[in-house]
Amino acid sequence: MMTQTLTNWLFEPSHCKVGFSVTHFGITETEGHFTSYRGTVETMSDDFSDARVTLTIDVNSIDTLDQQRNNHLLSADFFRANEYPQITFVSTEMRQISPQTYKLLGDLTLLGIAKPVELDVVFMGVVPKDPFGYTKAGFKVRGVINRKDWGMTWNTALDFGGLAVGNDVTISCQIELMKQQAVLS
C-alpha cells in the first residue's frame, strides 16, 4: 500500500492580515481588519491545487482604527457580535487558473447565514526554510461580497442622495502559512 503525505499548514497571525474595505459616502474606502482568527490549510500537492482551507474569525477583534465605528460594527446594525461572535470560511474547491493564480470557492458563514463565495488567490511562493527553520508559503486573497446577502442591511441616506455605507465589501487578505506534516496511509 502506498503512503500519501498530507501537509498541514497553519496561519501565521503575525504575518497575516484578514482585512476588508467598504465605500463610505460614495467617495472613499473605509478599511478594517480582524486581529484574532485561526486557520488551517491541508494539501497533498505542492502547488496547493487541492488545498482545503478553514478559517474562523473572532468578530469582536474588528479594528477599523476608530473605536466608535468598531462599536457600531459590532452592534445589531452590522455584525451582531453578541449573537454571532464568529465568521467562518470553509473551502469547497481550489481551482488552479495558472501556476500562480487560483479561484478559491467556499462557504462563508456570517450572521449565521452560510453562502457560497468565490475568491481570487495569488500564490506568492514558498520559502523552503526561514531563519527559524520553518517552511512558509504566501498568498494574496481578494474578493467582493454584497453584505446584504447576509442580512447586513443598515444604512442611512445622505442629503445629496447617496448612502453612508456601500453594499459591496472587498475582502483583502495577506496570508503566510507555516508548514507542519502528518502521514496518512
N, C-alpha and C. Protein backbone atom coordinates (compact mmCIF):
# COMPACT_ATOMS: atom_id res chain seq x y z
N MET A 1 0.84 -1.17 0.00
CA MET A 1 0.00 0.00 0.00
C MET A 1 0.89 1.24 0.00
N MET A 2 0.52 2.21 -0.85
CA MET A 2 1.29 3.44 -0.98
C MET A 2 0.85 4.44 0.10
N THR A 3 1.81 5.09 0.74
CA THR A 3 1.52 6.09 1.75
C THR A 3 1.56 7.47 1.13
N GLN A 4 0.53 8.27 1.39
CA GLN A 4 0.50 9.64 0.91
C GLN A 4 0.71 10.57 2.09
N THR A 5 1.36 11.68 1.85
CA THR A 5 1.61 12.63 2.92
C THR A 5 0.65 13.80 2.81
N LEU A 6 -0.09 14.00 3.86
CA LEU A 6 -0.96 15.16 3.98
C LEU A 6 -0.14 16.26 4.64
N THR A 7 -0.10 17.41 4.01
CA THR A 7 0.63 18.53 4.59
C THR A 7 -0.36 19.49 5.24
N ASN A 8 -0.10 19.80 6.48
CA ASN A 8 -0.91 20.77 7.23
C ASN A 8 -0.14 22.08 7.31
N TRP A 9 -0.83 23.16 7.06
CA TRP A 9 -0.27 24.50 7.13
C TRP A 9 -1.11 25.31 8.11
N LEU A 10 -0.46 26.05 8.98
CA LEU A 10 -1.16 26.91 9.93
C LEU A 10 -0.98 28.37 9.54
N PHE A 11 -2.02 29.17 9.76
CA PHE A 11 -1.90 30.61 9.54
C PHE A 11 -0.91 31.17 10.56
N GLU A 12 -0.05 32.05 10.12
CA GLU A 12 0.91 32.75 10.98
C GLU A 12 0.34 34.13 11.28
N PRO A 13 -0.39 34.32 12.39
CA PRO A 13 -1.07 35.59 12.63
C PRO A 13 -0.18 36.83 12.58
N SER A 14 1.06 36.70 12.99
CA SER A 14 1.94 37.88 12.99
C SER A 14 2.37 38.28 11.58
N HIS A 15 2.08 37.42 10.59
CA HIS A 15 2.43 37.73 9.21
C HIS A 15 1.23 37.64 8.29
N CYS A 16 0.04 37.77 8.85
CA CYS A 16 -1.20 37.72 8.07
C CYS A 16 -2.01 38.98 8.33
N LYS A 17 -2.87 39.28 7.39
CA LYS A 17 -3.86 40.33 7.59
C LYS A 17 -5.16 39.86 6.95
N VAL A 18 -6.20 39.81 7.75
CA VAL A 18 -7.53 39.45 7.28
C VAL A 18 -8.33 40.75 7.28
N GLY A 19 -8.43 41.36 6.09
CA GLY A 19 -8.98 42.69 6.01
C GLY A 19 -10.18 42.82 5.09
N PHE A 20 -10.77 44.01 5.14
CA PHE A 20 -11.93 44.33 4.32
C PHE A 20 -11.97 45.83 4.11
N SER A 21 -12.73 46.24 3.11
CA SER A 21 -13.00 47.66 2.91
C SER A 21 -14.38 47.83 2.32
N VAL A 22 -14.96 49.01 2.54
CA VAL A 22 -16.30 49.32 2.05
C VAL A 22 -16.31 50.81 1.71
N THR A 23 -17.09 51.17 0.71
CA THR A 23 -17.21 52.57 0.31
C THR A 23 -17.96 53.35 1.38
N HIS A 24 -17.43 54.54 1.70
CA HIS A 24 -18.02 55.42 2.69
C HIS A 24 -18.43 56.72 2.01
N PHE A 25 -19.68 57.08 2.12
CA PHE A 25 -20.24 58.29 1.49
C PHE A 25 -20.10 58.29 -0.02
N GLY A 26 -19.77 57.13 -0.60
CA GLY A 26 -19.62 57.05 -2.05
C GLY A 26 -18.35 57.67 -2.58
N ILE A 27 -17.44 58.11 -1.69
CA ILE A 27 -16.25 58.82 -2.18
C ILE A 27 -14.92 58.26 -1.69
N THR A 28 -14.94 57.45 -0.63
CA THR A 28 -13.70 56.88 -0.11
C THR A 28 -13.93 55.44 0.32
N GLU A 29 -12.85 54.75 0.60
CA GLU A 29 -12.92 53.39 1.13
C GLU A 29 -12.53 53.44 2.60
N THR A 30 -13.36 52.84 3.45
CA THR A 30 -13.00 52.67 4.85
C THR A 30 -12.52 51.24 5.00
N GLU A 31 -11.34 51.08 5.61
CA GLU A 31 -10.73 49.77 5.76
C GLU A 31 -10.80 49.29 7.21
N GLY A 32 -10.75 47.99 7.35
CA GLY A 32 -10.67 47.39 8.66
C GLY A 32 -10.05 46.01 8.54
N HIS A 33 -9.77 45.43 9.68
CA HIS A 33 -9.26 44.05 9.70
C HIS A 33 -9.64 43.41 11.03
N PHE A 34 -9.43 42.10 11.08
CA PHE A 34 -9.67 41.34 12.30
C PHE A 34 -8.32 40.92 12.85
N THR A 35 -8.15 41.07 14.15
CA THR A 35 -6.86 40.77 14.76
C THR A 35 -6.79 39.38 15.39
N SER A 36 -7.94 38.69 15.49
CA SER A 36 -7.95 37.36 16.09
C SER A 36 -8.68 36.39 15.17
N TYR A 37 -7.97 35.35 14.76
CA TYR A 37 -8.52 34.34 13.86
C TYR A 37 -7.61 33.13 13.92
N ARG A 38 -8.13 32.02 13.44
CA ARG A 38 -7.29 30.83 13.31
C ARG A 38 -7.68 30.15 12.02
N GLY A 39 -6.69 29.63 11.35
CA GLY A 39 -6.97 28.99 10.08
C GLY A 39 -5.97 27.89 9.79
N THR A 40 -6.42 26.95 8.97
CA THR A 40 -5.55 25.85 8.54
C THR A 40 -5.77 25.61 7.05
N VAL A 41 -4.74 25.06 6.45
CA VAL A 41 -4.81 24.61 5.07
C VAL A 41 -4.24 23.20 5.05
N GLU A 42 -4.96 22.28 4.40
CA GLU A 42 -4.48 20.91 4.22
C GLU A 42 -4.32 20.67 2.73
N THR A 43 -3.22 20.04 2.36
CA THR A 43 -2.99 19.76 0.95
C THR A 43 -2.13 18.51 0.79
N MET A 44 -2.32 17.83 -0.31
CA MET A 44 -1.48 16.69 -0.67
C MET A 44 -0.47 17.10 -1.74
N SER A 45 -0.75 18.20 -2.45
CA SER A 45 0.11 18.63 -3.55
C SER A 45 0.99 19.81 -3.13
N ASP A 46 2.10 19.97 -3.82
CA ASP A 46 3.00 21.09 -3.54
C ASP A 46 2.50 22.40 -4.12
N ASP A 47 1.59 22.32 -5.10
CA ASP A 47 1.13 23.55 -5.75
C ASP A 47 -0.18 24.09 -5.16
N PHE A 48 -0.68 23.48 -4.10
CA PHE A 48 -1.89 23.92 -3.38
C PHE A 48 -3.17 23.75 -4.20
N SER A 49 -3.12 23.06 -5.32
CA SER A 49 -4.31 22.91 -6.17
C SER A 49 -5.40 22.06 -5.53
N ASP A 50 -5.06 21.31 -4.50
CA ASP A 50 -6.06 20.50 -3.81
C ASP A 50 -6.28 20.98 -2.36
N ALA A 51 -5.94 22.23 -2.10
CA ALA A 51 -5.99 22.77 -0.75
C ALA A 51 -7.40 22.77 -0.18
N ARG A 52 -7.49 22.43 1.09
CA ARG A 52 -8.72 22.55 1.87
C ARG A 52 -8.45 23.60 2.94
N VAL A 53 -9.23 24.66 2.91
CA VAL A 53 -8.99 25.83 3.76
C VAL A 53 -10.12 25.98 4.77
N THR A 54 -9.77 26.23 6.02
CA THR A 54 -10.75 26.60 7.03
C THR A 54 -10.24 27.84 7.75
N LEU A 55 -11.14 28.74 8.04
CA LEU A 55 -10.79 29.98 8.74
C LEU A 55 -11.93 30.34 9.67
N THR A 56 -11.60 30.64 10.92
CA THR A 56 -12.57 31.11 11.90
C THR A 56 -12.08 32.45 12.42
N ILE A 57 -12.95 33.46 12.34
CA ILE A 57 -12.60 34.83 12.72
C ILE A 57 -13.41 35.23 13.95
N ASP A 58 -12.74 35.83 14.91
CA ASP A 58 -13.40 36.39 16.09
C ASP A 58 -13.91 37.78 15.73
N VAL A 59 -15.22 37.92 15.59
CA VAL A 59 -15.82 39.18 15.18
C VAL A 59 -15.44 40.31 16.13
N ASN A 60 -15.33 40.01 17.42
CA ASN A 60 -15.02 41.05 18.41
C ASN A 60 -13.62 41.62 18.26
N SER A 61 -12.81 41.04 17.39
CA SER A 61 -11.45 41.55 17.18
C SER A 61 -11.38 42.57 16.04
N ILE A 62 -12.53 43.04 15.57
CA ILE A 62 -12.55 44.00 14.47
C ILE A 62 -11.80 45.27 14.85
N ASP A 63 -11.06 45.82 13.89
CA ASP A 63 -10.30 47.05 14.12
C ASP A 63 -10.34 47.89 12.85
N THR A 64 -10.98 49.06 12.94
CA THR A 64 -11.04 50.00 11.83
C THR A 64 -10.29 51.29 12.16
N LEU A 65 -9.52 51.25 13.23
CA LEU A 65 -8.76 52.41 13.72
C LEU A 65 -9.66 53.51 14.29
N ASP A 66 -10.90 53.15 14.63
CA ASP A 66 -11.83 54.11 15.23
C ASP A 66 -12.75 53.32 16.16
N GLN A 67 -12.60 53.51 17.46
CA GLN A 67 -13.36 52.70 18.43
C GLN A 67 -14.87 52.89 18.31
N GLN A 68 -15.31 54.11 18.03
CA GLN A 68 -16.75 54.35 17.88
C GLN A 68 -17.29 53.56 16.69
N ARG A 69 -16.57 53.55 15.57
CA ARG A 69 -17.00 52.77 14.40
C ARG A 69 -16.94 51.28 14.71
N ASN A 70 -15.87 50.83 15.39
CA ASN A 70 -15.78 49.41 15.77
C ASN A 70 -17.02 48.99 16.57
N ASN A 71 -17.39 49.82 17.55
CA ASN A 71 -18.55 49.50 18.39
C ASN A 71 -19.83 49.45 17.55
N HIS A 72 -19.97 50.37 16.61
CA HIS A 72 -21.15 50.35 15.74
C HIS A 72 -21.17 49.08 14.89
N LEU A 73 -20.03 48.68 14.36
CA LEU A 73 -19.96 47.47 13.55
C LEU A 73 -20.29 46.21 14.36
N LEU A 74 -19.96 46.21 15.63
CA LEU A 74 -20.25 45.06 16.49
C LEU A 74 -21.72 45.00 16.92
N SER A 75 -22.44 46.09 16.74
CA SER A 75 -23.82 46.20 17.21
C SER A 75 -24.80 45.45 16.30
N ALA A 76 -26.07 45.53 16.67
CA ALA A 76 -27.14 44.88 15.91
C ALA A 76 -27.29 45.45 14.50
N ASP A 77 -26.76 46.65 14.24
CA ASP A 77 -26.82 47.23 12.90
C ASP A 77 -25.97 46.47 11.89
N PHE A 78 -24.91 45.80 12.36
CA PHE A 78 -24.00 45.13 11.44
C PHE A 78 -23.74 43.68 11.86
N PHE A 79 -22.67 43.42 12.61
CA PHE A 79 -22.24 42.05 12.88
C PHE A 79 -23.02 41.32 13.97
N ARG A 80 -23.75 42.05 14.81
CA ARG A 80 -24.50 41.41 15.92
C ARG A 80 -23.58 40.45 16.68
N ALA A 81 -22.45 40.97 17.10
CA ALA A 81 -21.38 40.15 17.69
C ALA A 81 -21.81 39.38 18.93
N ASN A 82 -22.75 39.90 19.70
CA ASN A 82 -23.21 39.16 20.88
C ASN A 82 -23.90 37.87 20.49
N GLU A 83 -24.60 37.89 19.37
CA GLU A 83 -25.33 36.72 18.90
C GLU A 83 -24.49 35.84 17.96
N TYR A 84 -23.64 36.48 17.16
CA TYR A 84 -22.82 35.76 16.17
C TYR A 84 -21.36 36.17 16.33
N PRO A 85 -20.66 35.60 17.30
CA PRO A 85 -19.29 36.04 17.59
C PRO A 85 -18.22 35.56 16.60
N GLN A 86 -18.61 34.70 15.65
CA GLN A 86 -17.61 34.18 14.71
C GLN A 86 -18.09 34.30 13.27
N ILE A 87 -17.13 34.47 12.40
CA ILE A 87 -17.31 34.35 10.96
C ILE A 87 -16.49 33.13 10.56
N THR A 88 -17.04 32.26 9.71
CA THR A 88 -16.26 31.10 9.27
C THR A 88 -16.23 31.02 7.75
N PHE A 89 -15.14 30.47 7.26
CA PHE A 89 -15.00 30.15 5.84
C PHE A 89 -14.49 28.72 5.75
N VAL A 90 -15.14 27.91 4.92
CA VAL A 90 -14.71 26.54 4.67
C VAL A 90 -14.69 26.35 3.16
N SER A 91 -13.54 26.01 2.63
CA SER A 91 -13.42 25.88 1.17
C SER A 91 -14.13 24.63 0.67
N THR A 92 -14.57 24.72 -0.58
CA THR A 92 -15.15 23.57 -1.26
C THR A 92 -14.32 23.17 -2.47
N GLU A 93 -13.52 24.12 -2.98
CA GLU A 93 -12.68 23.84 -4.14
C GLU A 93 -11.60 24.90 -4.27
N MET A 94 -10.42 24.46 -4.69
CA MET A 94 -9.32 25.37 -5.02
C MET A 94 -8.99 25.06 -6.47
N ARG A 95 -9.43 25.93 -7.38
CA ARG A 95 -9.28 25.70 -8.81
C ARG A 95 -8.08 26.48 -9.33
N GLN A 96 -7.10 25.78 -9.87
CA GLN A 96 -5.90 26.43 -10.39
C GLN A 96 -6.21 27.02 -11.76
N ILE A 97 -5.91 28.31 -11.93
CA ILE A 97 -6.13 29.02 -13.19
C ILE A 97 -4.83 29.08 -13.98
N SER A 98 -3.73 29.33 -13.29
CA SER A 98 -2.39 29.36 -13.87
C SER A 98 -1.43 28.93 -12.76
N PRO A 99 -0.13 28.82 -13.05
CA PRO A 99 0.77 28.35 -11.98
C PRO A 99 0.72 29.17 -10.69
N GLN A 100 0.35 30.44 -10.75
CA GLN A 100 0.35 31.28 -9.55
C GLN A 100 -1.04 31.79 -9.16
N THR A 101 -2.08 31.50 -9.94
CA THR A 101 -3.39 32.04 -9.61
C THR A 101 -4.44 30.93 -9.49
N TYR A 102 -5.38 31.18 -8.58
CA TYR A 102 -6.42 30.21 -8.27
C TYR A 102 -7.74 30.92 -8.06
N LYS A 103 -8.82 30.16 -8.13
CA LYS A 103 -10.13 30.57 -7.65
C LYS A 103 -10.41 29.69 -6.43
N LEU A 104 -10.65 30.32 -5.30
CA LEU A 104 -10.97 29.60 -4.08
C LEU A 104 -12.47 29.72 -3.85
N LEU A 105 -13.15 28.59 -3.89
CA LEU A 105 -14.59 28.56 -3.67
C LEU A 105 -14.85 27.99 -2.29
N GLY A 106 -15.88 28.51 -1.65
CA GLY A 106 -16.19 28.01 -0.32
C GLY A 106 -17.43 28.65 0.24
N ASP A 107 -17.75 28.25 1.45
CA ASP A 107 -18.93 28.76 2.15
C ASP A 107 -18.49 29.73 3.24
N LEU A 108 -19.01 30.95 3.14
CA LEU A 108 -18.77 31.98 4.14
C LEU A 108 -20.00 32.07 5.02
N THR A 109 -19.80 31.88 6.33
CA THR A 109 -20.91 31.98 7.28
C THR A 109 -20.75 33.26 8.08
N LEU A 110 -21.75 34.11 7.92
CA LEU A 110 -21.76 35.43 8.54
C LEU A 110 -23.18 35.66 9.05
N LEU A 111 -23.34 36.10 10.28
CA LEU A 111 -24.66 36.29 10.89
C LEU A 111 -25.48 35.00 10.84
N GLY A 112 -24.81 33.87 10.94
CA GLY A 112 -25.49 32.58 10.96
C GLY A 112 -25.96 32.11 9.59
N ILE A 113 -25.63 32.84 8.54
CA ILE A 113 -26.06 32.51 7.18
C ILE A 113 -24.85 32.06 6.38
N ALA A 114 -24.90 30.84 5.84
CA ALA A 114 -23.81 30.32 5.01
C ALA A 114 -24.18 30.53 3.54
N LYS A 115 -23.25 31.15 2.80
CA LYS A 115 -23.45 31.38 1.37
C LYS A 115 -22.15 31.10 0.65
N PRO A 116 -22.25 30.61 -0.59
CA PRO A 116 -21.03 30.36 -1.36
C PRO A 116 -20.39 31.67 -1.82
N VAL A 117 -19.05 31.68 -1.79
CA VAL A 117 -18.28 32.82 -2.29
C VAL A 117 -17.15 32.31 -3.18
N GLU A 118 -16.66 33.18 -4.02
CA GLU A 118 -15.52 32.88 -4.88
C GLU A 118 -14.47 33.96 -4.67
N LEU A 119 -13.26 33.54 -4.33
CA LEU A 119 -12.17 34.46 -4.04
C LEU A 119 -11.03 34.24 -5.03
N ASP A 120 -10.37 35.33 -5.39
CA ASP A 120 -9.18 35.26 -6.24
C ASP A 120 -7.96 35.09 -5.35
N VAL A 121 -7.10 34.15 -5.71
CA VAL A 121 -5.91 33.86 -4.91
C VAL A 121 -4.67 33.96 -5.80
N VAL A 122 -3.66 34.66 -5.31
CA VAL A 122 -2.35 34.69 -5.95
C VAL A 122 -1.38 33.98 -5.03
N PHE A 123 -0.76 32.93 -5.54
CA PHE A 123 0.24 32.17 -4.79
C PHE A 123 1.57 32.88 -4.94
N MET A 124 2.09 33.41 -3.84
CA MET A 124 3.32 34.21 -3.87
C MET A 124 4.59 33.37 -3.81
N GLY A 125 4.44 32.09 -3.46
CA GLY A 125 5.60 31.21 -3.43
C GLY A 125 5.83 30.57 -2.08
N VAL A 126 6.91 29.78 -2.03
CA VAL A 126 7.29 29.05 -0.82
C VAL A 126 8.72 29.39 -0.46
N VAL A 127 8.97 29.60 0.81
CA VAL A 127 10.33 29.72 1.35
C VAL A 127 10.61 28.39 2.02
N PRO A 128 11.54 27.58 1.45
CA PRO A 128 11.75 26.24 2.00
C PRO A 128 12.25 26.22 3.45
N LYS A 129 12.97 27.27 3.83
CA LYS A 129 13.50 27.30 5.20
C LYS A 129 13.75 28.75 5.59
N ASP A 130 12.93 29.24 6.53
CA ASP A 130 13.14 30.61 7.01
C ASP A 130 14.28 30.61 8.05
N PRO A 131 14.66 31.75 8.59
CA PRO A 131 15.76 31.78 9.56
C PRO A 131 15.55 30.93 10.81
N PHE A 132 14.30 30.52 11.06
CA PHE A 132 13.99 29.70 12.23
C PHE A 132 13.79 28.23 11.87
N GLY A 133 14.02 27.89 10.59
CA GLY A 133 13.92 26.51 10.14
C GLY A 133 12.56 26.06 9.64
N TYR A 134 11.61 26.99 9.51
CA TYR A 134 10.25 26.64 9.08
C TYR A 134 10.06 26.87 7.59
N THR A 135 9.22 26.04 6.98
CA THR A 135 8.81 26.25 5.60
C THR A 135 7.58 27.13 5.61
N LYS A 136 7.57 28.17 4.77
CA LYS A 136 6.47 29.14 4.72
C LYS A 136 5.94 29.24 3.29
N ALA A 137 4.66 29.55 3.17
CA ALA A 137 4.02 29.81 1.88
C ALA A 137 3.21 31.09 2.01
N GLY A 138 3.16 31.86 0.92
CA GLY A 138 2.45 33.13 0.97
C GLY A 138 1.39 33.25 -0.11
N PHE A 139 0.30 33.95 0.23
CA PHE A 139 -0.83 34.14 -0.67
C PHE A 139 -1.44 35.52 -0.49
N LYS A 140 -1.98 36.04 -1.57
CA LYS A 140 -2.86 37.21 -1.53
C LYS A 140 -4.24 36.71 -1.92
N VAL A 141 -5.25 37.10 -1.14
CA VAL A 141 -6.62 36.65 -1.38
C VAL A 141 -7.50 37.88 -1.48
N ARG A 142 -8.35 37.89 -2.49
CA ARG A 142 -9.22 39.05 -2.70
C ARG A 142 -10.56 38.60 -3.27
N GLY A 143 -11.61 39.28 -2.86
CA GLY A 143 -12.94 39.00 -3.38
C GLY A 143 -13.90 40.10 -2.97
N VAL A 144 -15.09 40.08 -3.54
CA VAL A 144 -16.11 41.07 -3.22
C VAL A 144 -17.41 40.33 -2.90
N ILE A 145 -18.02 40.72 -1.79
CA ILE A 145 -19.33 40.18 -1.42
C ILE A 145 -20.29 41.35 -1.24
N ASN A 146 -21.57 41.06 -1.34
CA ASN A 146 -22.59 42.05 -1.04
C ASN A 146 -23.09 41.76 0.36
N ARG A 147 -22.88 42.68 1.29
CA ARG A 147 -23.23 42.46 2.69
C ARG A 147 -24.71 42.18 2.89
N LYS A 148 -25.56 42.71 1.99
CA LYS A 148 -27.00 42.48 2.10
C LYS A 148 -27.36 41.01 1.92
N ASP A 149 -26.52 40.25 1.19
CA ASP A 149 -26.77 38.82 1.01
C ASP A 149 -26.76 38.06 2.33
N TRP A 150 -26.13 38.62 3.34
CA TRP A 150 -26.06 38.01 4.67
C TRP A 150 -26.97 38.74 5.66
N GLY A 151 -27.84 39.60 5.16
CA GLY A 151 -28.78 40.29 6.04
C GLY A 151 -28.21 41.50 6.74
N MET A 152 -27.07 41.99 6.30
CA MET A 152 -26.44 43.16 6.90
C MET A 152 -26.88 44.39 6.09
N THR A 153 -28.00 44.99 6.49
CA THR A 153 -28.67 45.98 5.64
C THR A 153 -28.64 47.41 6.15
N TRP A 154 -28.10 47.66 7.34
CA TRP A 154 -28.14 49.01 7.89
C TRP A 154 -27.52 50.00 6.91
N ASN A 155 -28.14 51.17 6.83
CA ASN A 155 -27.60 52.27 6.04
C ASN A 155 -28.35 53.52 6.42
N THR A 156 -27.87 54.64 5.92
CA THR A 156 -28.60 55.90 6.10
C THR A 156 -28.43 56.72 4.84
N ALA A 157 -29.53 57.32 4.41
CA ALA A 157 -29.50 58.15 3.20
C ALA A 157 -28.85 59.49 3.53
N LEU A 158 -28.08 59.98 2.58
CA LEU A 158 -27.43 61.28 2.74
C LEU A 158 -28.24 62.35 2.04
N ASP A 159 -28.07 63.58 2.46
CA ASP A 159 -28.83 64.70 1.89
C ASP A 159 -28.68 64.81 0.39
N PHE A 160 -27.51 64.49 -0.14
CA PHE A 160 -27.27 64.62 -1.58
C PHE A 160 -27.72 63.39 -2.37
N GLY A 161 -28.36 62.42 -1.68
CA GLY A 161 -28.93 61.28 -2.37
C GLY A 161 -28.13 60.00 -2.29
N GLY A 162 -26.94 60.02 -1.80
CA GLY A 162 -26.13 58.81 -1.68
C GLY A 162 -26.41 58.08 -0.38
N LEU A 163 -25.67 56.99 -0.17
CA LEU A 163 -25.78 56.22 1.06
C LEU A 163 -24.49 56.32 1.86
N ALA A 164 -24.61 56.19 3.17
CA ALA A 164 -23.44 56.29 4.04
C ALA A 164 -22.45 55.14 3.81
N VAL A 165 -22.99 53.93 3.61
CA VAL A 165 -22.14 52.75 3.52
C VAL A 165 -22.47 51.98 2.25
N GLY A 166 -21.45 51.61 1.49
CA GLY A 166 -21.66 50.81 0.29
C GLY A 166 -22.11 49.40 0.64
N ASN A 167 -22.75 48.74 -0.31
CA ASN A 167 -23.18 47.36 -0.09
C ASN A 167 -22.09 46.35 -0.40
N ASP A 168 -21.22 46.66 -1.36
CA ASP A 168 -20.13 45.75 -1.71
C ASP A 168 -18.98 45.88 -0.72
N VAL A 169 -18.56 44.74 -0.19
CA VAL A 169 -17.44 44.69 0.75
C VAL A 169 -16.30 43.95 0.06
N THR A 170 -15.16 44.58 -0.02
CA THR A 170 -13.99 43.94 -0.60
C THR A 170 -13.23 43.22 0.50
N ILE A 171 -13.02 41.94 0.31
CA ILE A 171 -12.21 41.12 1.22
C ILE A 171 -10.80 41.13 0.67
N SER A 172 -9.84 41.44 1.53
CA SER A 172 -8.45 41.52 1.09
C SER A 172 -7.55 40.94 2.19
N CYS A 173 -6.90 39.83 1.88
CA CYS A 173 -6.10 39.14 2.90
C CYS A 173 -4.68 38.90 2.40
N GLN A 174 -3.74 39.05 3.29
CA GLN A 174 -2.36 38.65 3.09
C GLN A 174 -2.15 37.46 4.02
N ILE A 175 -1.80 36.31 3.45
CA ILE A 175 -1.72 35.10 4.26
C ILE A 175 -0.33 34.48 4.16
N GLU A 176 0.26 34.23 5.31
CA GLU A 176 1.51 33.47 5.39
C GLU A 176 1.22 32.21 6.20
N LEU A 177 1.56 31.08 5.60
CA LEU A 177 1.33 29.79 6.23
C LEU A 177 2.64 29.17 6.69
N MET A 178 2.57 28.40 7.78
CA MET A 178 3.73 27.66 8.28
C MET A 178 3.42 26.17 8.17
N LYS A 179 4.34 25.44 7.57
CA LYS A 179 4.14 24.02 7.27
C LYS A 179 4.33 23.13 8.50
N GLN A 180 3.42 22.15 8.61
CA GLN A 180 3.53 21.05 9.56
C GLN A 180 3.20 19.80 8.77
N GLN A 181 3.56 18.61 9.24
CA GLN A 181 3.27 17.41 8.45
C GLN A 181 2.71 16.30 9.32
N ALA A 182 1.85 15.51 8.67
CA ALA A 182 1.35 14.26 9.26
C ALA A 182 1.31 13.24 8.13
N VAL A 183 1.43 11.98 8.45
CA VAL A 183 1.45 10.93 7.42
C VAL A 183 0.13 10.16 7.48
N LEU A 184 -0.47 9.97 6.31
CA LEU A 184 -1.66 9.13 6.17
C LEU A 184 -1.30 7.91 5.34
N SER A 185 -1.96 6.80 5.60
CA SER A 185 -1.73 5.64 4.75
C SER A 185 -2.93 5.40 3.89
